[in-house]
């Protein structure tokens, strides 16, 4: 199994600005704190116990790892 996850993290204190000279709606003046974490991973699944014909349960195990990068 392969995994790719891309998310966006913004600065929690980022505020909208408005100017008194120009009557406009408030907007983000500068997007200064922008972070984009990217996670890449690989997993392998192992079958430990097979399911019987009726009302059985199969048991599996997952082993994996990966890397997380930030931009």
Protein backbone atom coordinates (compact mmCIF):
# COMPACT_ATOMS: atom_id res chain seq x y z
CA UNK A 1 0.00 0.00 0.00
CA UNK A 2 1.22 3.49 -0.79
CA UNK A 3 0.28 6.69 1.03
CA UNK A 4 0.49 10.32 -0.06
CA UNK A 5 -0.93 13.09 2.12
CA UNK A 6 -0.72 16.82 1.38
CA UNK A 7 -2.22 19.29 3.83
CA UNK A 8 -2.13 23.04 4.39
CA UNK A 9 -1.32 24.71 7.69
CA UNK A 10 -1.84 28.43 8.15
CA UNK A 11 -0.75 30.79 10.86
CA UNK A 12 -3.49 30.86 13.54
CA UNK A 13 -2.83 34.53 14.39
CA UNK A 14 -3.19 35.72 10.79
CA UNK A 15 -5.67 38.59 10.64
CA UNK A 16 -7.56 40.39 7.95
CA UNK A 17 -6.53 44.00 7.34
CA UNK A 18 -8.55 46.95 6.16
CA UNK A 19 -7.47 50.50 5.37
CA UNK A 20 -9.39 53.61 6.43
CA UNK A 21 -8.40 55.51 3.27
CA UNK A 22 -10.00 52.96 0.94
CA UNK A 23 -13.51 51.66 1.73
CA UNK A 24 -13.02 48.01 0.85
CA UNK A 25 -13.83 44.75 2.56
CA UNK A 26 -11.08 43.33 4.80
CA UNK A 27 -8.56 41.01 3.15
CA UNK A 28 -5.35 39.16 3.99
CA UNK A 29 -2.64 41.74 3.38
CA UNK A 30 0.30 39.34 3.51
CA UNK A 31 0.30 35.53 3.67
CA UNK A 32 3.57 35.36 5.59
CA UNK A 33 3.23 32.11 7.53
CA UNK A 34 2.28 29.35 5.09
CA UNK A 35 3.34 25.71 5.66
CA UNK A 36 2.67 22.71 3.42
CA UNK A 37 3.47 19.32 5.04
CA UNK A 38 3.83 16.41 2.62
CA UNK A 39 3.83 12.82 3.90
CA UNK A 40 4.95 9.85 1.80
CA UNK A 41 4.66 6.29 3.09
CA UNK A 42 4.74 2.62 2.17
CA UNK A 43 2.98 -0.20 4.03
CA UNK A 44 2.86 -3.95 3.66
CA UNK A 45 0.03 -6.14 4.90
CA UNK A 46 0.58 -9.68 6.22
CA UNK A 47 -2.15 -12.29 6.61
CA UNK A 48 -1.72 -13.98 10.01
CA UNK A 49 -4.94 -16.00 10.17
CA UNK A 50 -7.23 -16.87 7.29
CA UNK A 51 -11.04 -16.61 7.51
CA UNK A 52 -12.99 -19.85 7.75
CA UNK A 53 -15.99 -20.56 5.51
CA UNK A 54 -18.75 -19.18 7.78
CA UNK A 55 -18.60 -16.56 10.53
CA UNK A 56 -14.82 -16.48 10.57
CA UNK A 57 -12.40 -13.68 11.29
CA UNK A 58 -9.20 -13.01 9.39
CA UNK A 59 -6.26 -11.49 11.24
CA UNK A 60 -3.82 -9.20 9.44
CA UNK A 61 -0.83 -7.08 10.43
CA UNK A 62 0.42 -3.88 8.80
CA UNK A 63 4.06 -2.80 8.78
CA UNK A 64 5.13 0.46 7.23
CA UNK A 65 7.15 3.62 7.32
CA UNK A 66 7.65 6.85 5.52
CA UNK A 67 8.95 10.38 5.43
CA UNK A 68 7.40 13.75 6.16
CA UNK A 69 8.63 16.91 4.44
CA UNK A 70 7.61 20.52 4.90
CA UNK A 71 7.59 23.33 2.36
